[in-house]
Structures are given as structure tokens and as C-alpha cells.
């Protein structure tokens, strides 16, 4: 199955800028790594890997919001890419979104190659 990920992210400025935007960025926690979504990439989601967590959005700065538990979703292997680099998350492989473990602000080269083919 082929999935086209189209998602919106909230990015901060390169100088460490907008904390509010960062607080609601689409982040996923899976196996002690943090992943961010990647838009406009064709990929194939494969086997189910396990549970991943989407942390709550704390865009108000309210401590009560920050203490809420995150939402649980399913992580899937992305065909041809190590789960250390990227996974797909969603209720099923058909509706999964591609997320990647960035190194700083750099997109992993394996994900960049997928983008170049898309």
C-alpha cells in the first residue's frame, strides 16, 4: 500500500524563536526517540511495530495541560527505512503519517531520498 503524507507542522524560527509554535508541533514519541512529521512524501507503511505516543499540546502554558497524558497511536515500519530513522503512525497503514527522527534541524538522508523520488 502506498501512502502520501501531507501534514502541517508548526516550525519555530531558527534562532530558537516561537515557543508556542513548538509546543503544538506534531511530535511522536516511539522507543525513546522523538519524531516530527514530514509532509509531501510518498511511502509505504508495512508491519505494525507497536504503540507510539503523541504528547498533549500545551499552547496555553497551563501546567494542567502539560500534565495530561498523551494520545496513543500505532507505529508502522516504513518500507526501506529503519525505525530508528522514520516510522509511520496512525490507526492503520492506509491513513498513517510519516514521521522522522531529525538530527537537529536536518532531515535524515533516507527520508530526503524518499522526498526526491516523490
C-alpha atoms as a PDB file:
ATOM      1  CA  UNK A   1       0.000   0.000   0.000  1.00  0.00           C
ATOM      2  CA  UNK A   2       1.287   3.443  -0.921  1.00  0.00           C
ATOM      3  CA  UNK A   3       0.553   6.422   1.282  1.00  0.00           C
ATOM      4  CA  UNK A   4       1.087  10.084   0.503  1.00  0.00           C
ATOM      5  CA  UNK A   5       1.731  12.033   3.690  1.00  0.00           C
ATOM      6  CA  UNK A   6       0.510  15.589   3.659  1.00  0.00           C
ATOM      7  CA  UNK A   7       0.666  17.254   7.029  1.00  0.00           C
ATOM      8  CA  UNK A   8       1.184  20.658   8.529  1.00  0.00           C
ATOM      9  CA  UNK A   9       3.788  21.433  11.107  1.00  0.00           C
ATOM     10  CA  UNK A  10       4.435  24.395  13.317  1.00  0.00           C
ATOM     11  CA  UNK A  11       8.043  25.398  12.957  1.00  0.00           C
ATOM     12  CA  UNK A  12       9.945  27.761  15.152  1.00  0.00           C
ATOM     13  CA  UNK A  13      12.377  30.308  13.838  1.00  0.00           C
ATOM     14  CA  UNK A  14      15.992  29.201  13.565  1.00  0.00           C
ATOM     15  CA  UNK A  15      17.034  31.478  16.438  1.00  0.00           C
ATOM     16  CA  UNK A  16      15.062  29.400  18.953  1.00  0.00           C
ATOM     17  CA  UNK A  17      12.058  31.671  18.481  1.00  0.00           C
ATOM     18  CA  UNK A  18       8.405  30.878  18.967  1.00  0.00           C
ATOM     19  CA  UNK A  19       7.851  28.516  21.923  1.00  0.00           C
ATOM     20  CA  UNK A  20       4.116  28.474  21.394  1.00  0.00           C
ATOM     21  CA  UNK A  21       4.509  27.121  17.864  1.00  0.00           C
ATOM     22  CA  UNK A  22       6.908  24.440  19.125  1.00  0.00           C
ATOM     23  CA  UNK A  23       4.513  23.339  21.855  1.00  0.00           C
ATOM     24  CA  UNK A  24       1.930  22.196  19.305  1.00  0.00           C
ATOM     25  CA  UNK A  25       4.221  20.803  16.634  1.00  0.00           C
ATOM     26  CA  UNK A  26       3.231  17.298  15.540  1.00  0.00           C
ATOM     27  CA  UNK A  27       5.581  15.172  17.635  1.00  0.00           C
ATOM     28  CA  UNK A  28       5.581  11.438  18.219  1.00  0.00           C
ATOM     29  CA  UNK A  29       7.431   9.506  20.921  1.00  0.00           C
ATOM     30  CA  UNK A  30       8.407   5.964  19.955  1.00  0.00           C
ATOM     31  CA  UNK A  31      11.063   3.811  21.679  1.00  0.00           C
ATOM     32  CA  UNK A  32      12.878   6.664  23.433  1.00  0.00           C
ATOM     33  CA  UNK A  33      13.055   8.777  20.259  1.00  0.00           C
ATOM     34  CA  UNK A  34      11.117  11.856  19.227  1.00  0.00           C
ATOM     35  CA  UNK A  35       9.869  12.082  15.645  1.00  0.00           C
ATOM     36  CA  UNK A  36       8.391  15.038  13.722  1.00  0.00           C
ATOM     37  CA  UNK A  37       6.044  14.814  10.765  1.00  0.00           C
ATOM     38  CA  UNK A  38       7.237  15.057   7.183  1.00  0.00           C
ATOM     39  CA  UNK A  39       4.900  16.410   4.510  1.00  0.00           C
ATOM     40  CA  UNK A  40       4.509  15.520   0.845  1.00  0.00           C
ATOM     41  CA  UNK A  41       6.385  12.224   0.794  1.00  0.00           C
ATOM     42  CA  UNK A  42       5.214   9.027  -0.841  1.00  0.00           C
ATOM     43  CA  UNK A  43       5.946   5.991   1.293  1.00  0.00           C
ATOM     44  CA  UNK A  44       4.690   2.515   2.031  1.00  0.00           C
ATOM     45  CA  UNK A  45       3.711   1.610   5.582  1.00  0.00           C
ATOM     46  CA  UNK A  46       4.431  -2.012   6.427  1.00  0.00           C
ATOM     47  CA  UNK A  47       4.203  -4.129   9.553  1.00  0.00           C
ATOM     48  CA  UNK A  48       2.892  -2.908  12.882  1.00  0.00           C
ATOM     49  CA  UNK A  49       5.749  -2.067  15.262  1.00  0.00           C
ATOM     50  CA  UNK A  50       3.858  -1.177  18.423  1.00  0.00           C
ATOM     51  CA  UNK A  51       2.477   1.818  20.293  1.00  0.00           C
ATOM     52  CA  UNK A  52       3.647   5.398  19.933  1.00  0.00           C
ATOM     53  CA  UNK A  53       2.560   8.459  21.898  1.00  0.00           C
ATOM     54  CA  UNK A  54       1.526  11.897  20.695  1.00  0.00           C
ATOM     55  CA  UNK A  55       2.187  14.282  23.587  1.00  0.00           C
ATOM     56  CA  UNK A  56      -0.565  16.738  24.530  1.00  0.00           C
ATOM     57  CA  UNK A  57      -0.454  20.218  23.049  1.00  0.00           C
ATOM     58  CA  UNK A  58       0.475  22.816  25.665  1.00  0.00           C
ATOM     59  CA  UNK A  59      -0.158  26.009  23.723  1.00  0.00           C
ATOM     60  CA  UNK A  60      -1.600  27.870  26.723  1.00  0.00           C
ATOM     61  CA  UNK A  61       1.311  27.412  29.111  1.00  0.00           C
ATOM     62  CA  UNK A  62      -1.146  25.965  31.642  1.00  0.00           C
ATOM     63  CA  UNK A  63       0.612  23.405  33.870  1.00  0.00           C
ATOM     64  CA  UNK A  64      -2.595  21.323  33.964  1.00  0.00           C
ATOM     65  CA  UNK A  65      -2.421  20.881  30.159  1.00  0.00           C
ATOM     66  CA  UNK A  66       1.221  19.834  30.368  1.00  0.00           C
ATOM     67  CA  UNK A  67       0.405  17.081  32.877  1.00  0.00           C
ATOM     68  CA  UNK A  68      -2.214  15.381  30.686  1.00  0.00           C
ATOM     69  CA  UNK A  69      -1.338  12.007  29.225  1.00  0.00           C
ATOM     70  CA  UNK A  70      -0.576  11.884  25.525  1.00  0.00           C
ATOM     71  CA  UNK A  71      -2.675  10.132  22.930  1.00  0.00           C
ATOM     72  CA  UNK A  72      -1.617   6.616  21.956  1.00  0.00           C
ATOM     73  CA  UNK A  73      -1.409   5.597  18.316  1.00  0.00           C
ATOM     74  CA  UNK A  74       0.169   2.761  16.326  1.00  0.00           C
ATOM     75  CA  UNK A  75       3.629   2.883  14.773  1.00  0.00           C
ATOM     76  CA  UNK A  76       4.303   1.061  11.489  1.00  0.00           C
ATOM     77  CA  UNK A  77       7.559   0.234   9.723  1.00  0.00           C
ATOM     78  CA  UNK A  78       8.232   2.370   6.639  1.00  0.00           C
ATOM     79  CA  UNK A  79       9.308   0.183   3.728  1.00  0.00           C
ATOM     80  CA  UNK A  80      13.061   0.538   3.180  1.00  0.00           C
ATOM     81  CA  UNK A  81      13.814   2.735   6.210  1.00  0.00           C
ATOM     82  CA  UNK A  82      14.979   1.768   9.695  1.00  0.00           C
ATOM     83  CA  UNK A  83      12.547   2.600  12.524  1.00  0.00           C
ATOM     84  CA  UNK A  84      15.470   4.442  14.121  1.00  0.00           C
ATOM     85  CA  UNK A  85      15.127   6.967  11.285  1.00  0.00           C
ATOM     86  CA  UNK A  86      11.403   7.084  10.484  1.00  0.00           C
ATOM     87  CA  UNK A  87       8.084   5.377  11.208  1.00  0.00           C
ATOM     88  CA  UNK A  88       4.523   5.867  10.068  1.00  0.00           C
ATOM     89  CA  UNK A  89       1.851   6.495  12.698  1.00  0.00           C
ATOM     90  CA  UNK A  90      -1.928   6.246  12.589  1.00  0.00           C
ATOM     91  CA  UNK A  91      -4.898   3.975  13.096  1.00  0.00           C
ATOM     92  CA  UNK A  92      -3.967   1.863  10.073  1.00  0.00           C
ATOM     93  CA  UNK A  93      -1.187   1.728   7.467  1.00  0.00           C
ATOM     94  CA  UNK A  94      -3.582   3.319   4.961  1.00  0.00           C
ATOM     95  CA  UNK A  95      -4.055   6.523   6.995  1.00  0.00           C
ATOM     96  CA  UNK A  96      -0.605   6.688   8.601  1.00  0.00           C
ATOM     97  CA  UNK A  97       1.547   9.829   8.616  1.00  0.00           C
ATOM     98  CA  UNK A  98       5.302   9.702   8.070  1.00  0.00           C
ATOM     99  CA  UNK A  99       7.380  10.958  10.994  1.00  0.00           C
ATOM    100  CA  UNK A 100      11.173  11.182  11.126  1.00  0.00           C
ATOM    101  CA  UNK A 101      13.775  11.435  13.876  1.00  0.00           C
ATOM    102  CA  UNK A 102      15.609  14.605  12.903  1.00  0.00           C
ATOM    103  CA  UNK A 103      19.203  15.337  13.843  1.00  0.00           C
ATOM    104  CA  UNK A 104      18.862  18.958  14.930  1.00  0.00           C
ATOM    105  CA  UNK A 105      17.031  20.568  12.032  1.00  0.00           C
ATOM    106  CA  UNK A 106      18.409  18.125   9.470  1.00  0.00           C
ATOM    107  CA  UNK A 107      16.048  15.683   7.792  1.00  0.00           C
ATOM    108  CA  UNK A 108      17.561  12.168   7.713  1.00  0.00           C
ATOM    109  CA  UNK A 109      19.150  11.369   4.350  1.00  0.00           C
ATOM    110  CA  UNK A 110      16.973   8.248   3.920  1.00  0.00           C
ATOM    111  CA  UNK A 111      13.830  10.392   4.195  1.00  0.00           C
ATOM    112  CA  UNK A 112      15.332  13.029   1.884  1.00  0.00           C
ATOM    113  CA  UNK A 113      15.799  10.303  -0.740  1.00  0.00           C
ATOM    114  CA  UNK A 114      12.083   9.420  -0.447  1.00  0.00           C
ATOM    115  CA  UNK A 115      11.213  13.091  -0.942  1.00  0.00           C
ATOM    116  CA  UNK A 116      13.382  13.303  -4.038  1.00  0.00           C
ATOM    117  CA  UNK A 117      11.512  10.351  -5.574  1.00  0.00           C
ATOM    118  CA  UNK A 118       8.076  11.797  -4.730  1.00  0.00           C
END
